[in-house]
Amino acid sequence: MIQRIDAGPRMSEASIHNGIVYLAGQVPEDTSLDIEGQTREVLAAIDALLAQAGSDKTRILRAQIFLADIADFAGMNRAWDAWVVPGNAPARATVEARLARPEWKVEIVVTAAI
């Protein structure tokens, strides 16, 4: 059985299967923020979706981070390091990528255990 959270015509914000929750890429809403602000906003959205799925950030297995500009790596890491729970950092990859909207600085995808 597959459970979908906030399913729309094109995508779901999250899908749950066999005790694993797969989140869609989360992006900032306030594009006027700098990289730290956009990252904090995305991490808050991840927290909310994980809670909806019955999980939390301590159960994240893997994170994929996409930066529009790799020069923002340090700023993104400041927000990430303040958010991640010590001893519970997931496997992670960070790459530079052209995002769907030019004003987005960051997009994050996570997979977590329930």
C-alpha atoms as a PDB file:
ATOM      1  CA  MET A   1       0.000   0.000   0.000  1.00  0.00           C
ATOM      2  CA  ILE A   2       1.198   3.491  -0.855  1.00  0.00           C
ATOM      3  CA  GLN A   3       0.001   6.546   1.050  1.00  0.00           C
ATOM      4  CA  ARG A   4       0.352   9.976  -0.550  1.00  0.00           C
ATOM      5  CA  ILE A   5       0.463  13.313   1.260  1.00  0.00           C
ATOM      6  CA  ASP A   6      -0.826  16.453  -0.478  1.00  0.00           C
ATOM      7  CA  ALA A   7      -1.332  14.617  -3.759  1.00  0.00           C
ATOM      8  CA  GLY A   8      -1.914  16.870  -6.723  1.00  0.00           C
ATOM      9  CA  PRO A   9      -2.344  16.320 -10.439  1.00  0.00           C
ATOM     10  CA  ARG A  10       1.405  16.467 -11.119  1.00  0.00           C
ATOM     11  CA  MET A  11       3.030  15.290  -7.890  1.00  0.00           C
ATOM     12  CA  SER A  12       2.614  14.498  -4.207  1.00  0.00           C
ATOM     13  CA  GLU A  13       4.545  16.311  -1.516  1.00  0.00           C
ATOM     14  CA  ALA A  14       5.360  12.933   0.019  1.00  0.00           C
ATOM     15  CA  SER A  15       4.773   9.232  -0.567  1.00  0.00           C
ATOM     16  CA  ILE A  16       4.936   6.544   2.110  1.00  0.00           C
ATOM     17  CA  HIS A  17       5.669   2.882   1.400  1.00  0.00           C
ATOM     18  CA  ASN A  18       6.980   0.071   3.626  1.00  0.00           C
ATOM     19  CA  GLY A  19       7.807   2.391   6.513  1.00  0.00           C
ATOM     20  CA  ILE A  20       9.759   4.873   4.390  1.00  0.00           C
ATOM     21  CA  VAL A  21       8.649   8.403   3.527  1.00  0.00           C
ATOM     22  CA  TYR A  22       9.924   9.972   0.308  1.00  0.00           C
ATOM     23  CA  LEU A  23       9.588  13.748   0.149  1.00  0.00           C
ATOM     24  CA  ALA A  24       9.348  15.758  -3.040  1.00  0.00           C
ATOM     25  CA  GLY A  25      11.915  18.502  -3.457  1.00  0.00           C
ATOM     26  CA  GLN A  26      11.139  21.294  -1.027  1.00  0.00           C
ATOM     27  CA  VAL A  27      11.763  24.876  -2.091  1.00  0.00           C
ATOM     28  CA  PRO A  28      11.440  28.240  -0.335  1.00  0.00           C
ATOM     29  CA  GLU A  29       8.314  30.344  -0.526  1.00  0.00           C
ATOM     30  CA  ASP A  30       9.990  33.656   0.324  1.00  0.00           C
ATOM     31  CA  THR A  31      12.471  34.146  -2.478  1.00  0.00           C
ATOM     32  CA  SER A  32      13.612  37.506  -1.089  1.00  0.00           C
ATOM     33  CA  LEU A  33      15.563  35.663   1.632  1.00  0.00           C
ATOM     34  CA  ASP A  34      19.284  34.968   1.429  1.00  0.00           C
ATOM     35  CA  ILE A  35      20.589  31.390   1.270  1.00  0.00           C
ATOM     36  CA  GLU A  36      20.416  30.885   5.041  1.00  0.00           C
ATOM     37  CA  GLY A  37      16.844  32.152   5.194  1.00  0.00           C
ATOM     38  CA  GLN A  38      15.731  30.088   2.209  1.00  0.00           C
ATOM     39  CA  THR A  39      17.405  27.003   3.677  1.00  0.00           C
ATOM     40  CA  ARG A  40      15.735  27.520   7.068  1.00  0.00           C
ATOM     41  CA  GLU A  41      12.360  27.873   5.332  1.00  0.00           C
ATOM     42  CA  VAL A  42      12.907  24.657   3.352  1.00  0.00           C
ATOM     43  CA  LEU A  43      14.003  22.774   6.487  1.00  0.00           C
ATOM     44  CA  ALA A  44      10.855  23.953   8.301  1.00  0.00           C
ATOM     45  CA  ALA A  45       8.752  22.598   5.409  1.00  0.00           C
ATOM     46  CA  ILE A  46      10.611  19.287   5.693  1.00  0.00           C
ATOM     47  CA  ASP A  47       9.905  19.182   9.438  1.00  0.00           C
ATOM     48  CA  ALA A  48       6.197  19.748   8.785  1.00  0.00           C
ATOM     49  CA  LEU A  49       5.935  17.058   6.090  1.00  0.00           C
ATOM     50  CA  LEU A  50       7.870  14.536   8.159  1.00  0.00           C
ATOM     51  CA  ALA A  51       5.535  15.181  11.109  1.00  0.00           C
ATOM     52  CA  GLN A  52       2.530  14.657   8.833  1.00  0.00           C
ATOM     53  CA  ALA A  53       4.041  11.326   7.796  1.00  0.00           C
ATOM     54  CA  GLY A  54       4.716  10.269  11.401  1.00  0.00           C
ATOM     55  CA  SER A  55       8.471  10.815  11.258  1.00  0.00           C
ATOM     56  CA  ASP A  56      10.991  13.531  12.122  1.00  0.00           C
ATOM     57  CA  LYS A  57      14.431  14.816  11.174  1.00  0.00           C
ATOM     58  CA  THR A  58      16.207  12.304  13.439  1.00  0.00           C
ATOM     59  CA  ARG A  59      14.927   9.558  11.131  1.00  0.00           C
ATOM     60  CA  ILE A  60      16.172  11.012   7.838  1.00  0.00           C
ATOM     61  CA  LEU A  61      18.158   8.416   5.941  1.00  0.00           C
ATOM     62  CA  ARG A  62      19.298  10.517   3.014  1.00  0.00           C
ATOM     63  CA  ALA A  63      19.263  14.158   1.934  1.00  0.00           C
ATOM     64  CA  GLN A  64      19.914  15.558  -1.521  1.00  0.00           C
ATOM     65  CA  ILE A  65      20.618  19.276  -1.640  1.00  0.00           C
ATOM     66  CA  PHE A  66      20.538  21.263  -4.852  1.00  0.00           C
ATOM     67  CA  LEU A  67      22.089  24.746  -4.840  1.00  0.00           C
ATOM     68  CA  ALA A  68      21.596  27.208  -7.682  1.00  0.00           C
ATOM     69  CA  ASP A  69      25.087  28.510  -6.893  1.00  0.00           C
ATOM     70  CA  ILE A  70      27.673  26.319  -5.160  1.00  0.00           C
ATOM     71  CA  ALA A  71      29.129  29.538  -3.717  1.00  0.00           C
ATOM     72  CA  ASP A  72      26.149  29.368  -1.308  1.00  0.00           C
ATOM     73  CA  PHE A  73      27.466  26.088   0.173  1.00  0.00           C
ATOM     74  CA  ALA A  74      28.786  27.676   3.395  1.00  0.00           C
ATOM     75  CA  GLY A  75      25.595  29.665   4.018  1.00  0.00           C
ATOM     76  CA  MET A  76      23.398  26.635   3.413  1.00  0.00           C
ATOM     77  CA  ASN A  77      25.596  24.618   5.780  1.00  0.00           C
ATOM     78  CA  ARG A  78      25.185  27.218   8.553  1.00  0.00           C
ATOM     79  CA  ALA A  79      21.398  26.729   8.433  1.00  0.00           C
ATOM     80  CA  TRP A  80      21.737  22.943   8.024  1.00  0.00           C
ATOM     81  CA  ASP A  81      24.191  22.586  10.932  1.00  0.00           C
ATOM     82  CA  ALA A  82      21.863  24.561  13.234  1.00  0.00           C
ATOM     83  CA  TRP A  83      18.953  22.281  12.237  1.00  0.00           C
ATOM     84  CA  VAL A  84      20.398  18.769  12.119  1.00  0.00           C
ATOM     85  CA  VAL A  85      20.340  16.847  15.404  1.00  0.00           C
ATOM     86  CA  PRO A  86      23.880  15.940  16.552  1.00  0.00           C
ATOM     87  CA  GLY A  87      24.479  12.231  16.109  1.00  0.00           C
ATOM     88  CA  ASN A  88      21.606  11.953  13.608  1.00  0.00           C
ATOM     89  CA  ALA A  89      23.078  13.510  10.479  1.00  0.00           C
ATOM     90  CA  PRO A  90      21.860  11.599   7.416  1.00  0.00           C
ATOM     91  CA  ALA A  91      23.823  10.547   4.368  1.00  0.00           C
ATOM     92  CA  ARG A  92      23.905  13.661   2.196  1.00  0.00           C
ATOM     93  CA  ALA A  93      24.883  14.919  -1.229  1.00  0.00           C
ATOM     94  CA  THR A  94      25.056  18.556  -2.322  1.00  0.00           C
ATOM     95  CA  VAL A  95      25.332  19.637  -5.944  1.00  0.00           C
ATOM     96  CA  GLU A  96      24.997  22.772  -7.998  1.00  0.00           C
ATOM     97  CA  ALA A  97      22.003  22.643 -10.316  1.00  0.00           C
ATOM     98  CA  ARG A  98      19.789  24.947 -12.319  1.00  0.00           C
ATOM     99  CA  LEU A  99      16.539  25.069 -10.326  1.00  0.00           C
ATOM    100  CA  ALA A 100      13.065  25.416 -11.857  1.00  0.00           C
ATOM    101  CA  ARG A 101      12.756  29.060 -10.771  1.00  0.00           C
ATOM    102  CA  PRO A 102      15.771  31.382 -10.931  1.00  0.00           C
ATOM    103  CA  GLU A 103      14.916  33.035  -7.600  1.00  0.00           C
ATOM    104  CA  TRP A 104      15.195  29.743  -5.704  1.00  0.00           C
ATOM    105  CA  LYS A 105      18.622  29.309  -4.157  1.00  0.00           C
ATOM    106  CA  VAL A 106      18.068  25.835  -2.696  1.00  0.00           C
ATOM    107  CA  GLU A 107      15.947  22.718  -3.072  1.00  0.00           C
ATOM    108  CA  ILE A 108      16.165  19.769  -0.679  1.00  0.00           C
ATOM    109  CA  VAL A 109      14.886  16.196  -1.071  1.00  0.00           C
ATOM    110  CA  VAL A 110      14.849  13.774   1.869  1.00  0.00           C
ATOM    111  CA  THR A 111      13.994  10.151   2.466  1.00  0.00           C
ATOM    112  CA  ALA A 112      13.209   9.077   6.038  1.00  0.00           C
ATOM    113  CA  ALA A 113      12.148   6.090   8.071  1.00  0.00           C
ATOM    114  CA  ILE A 114       8.743   6.257   9.784  1.00  0.00           C
END
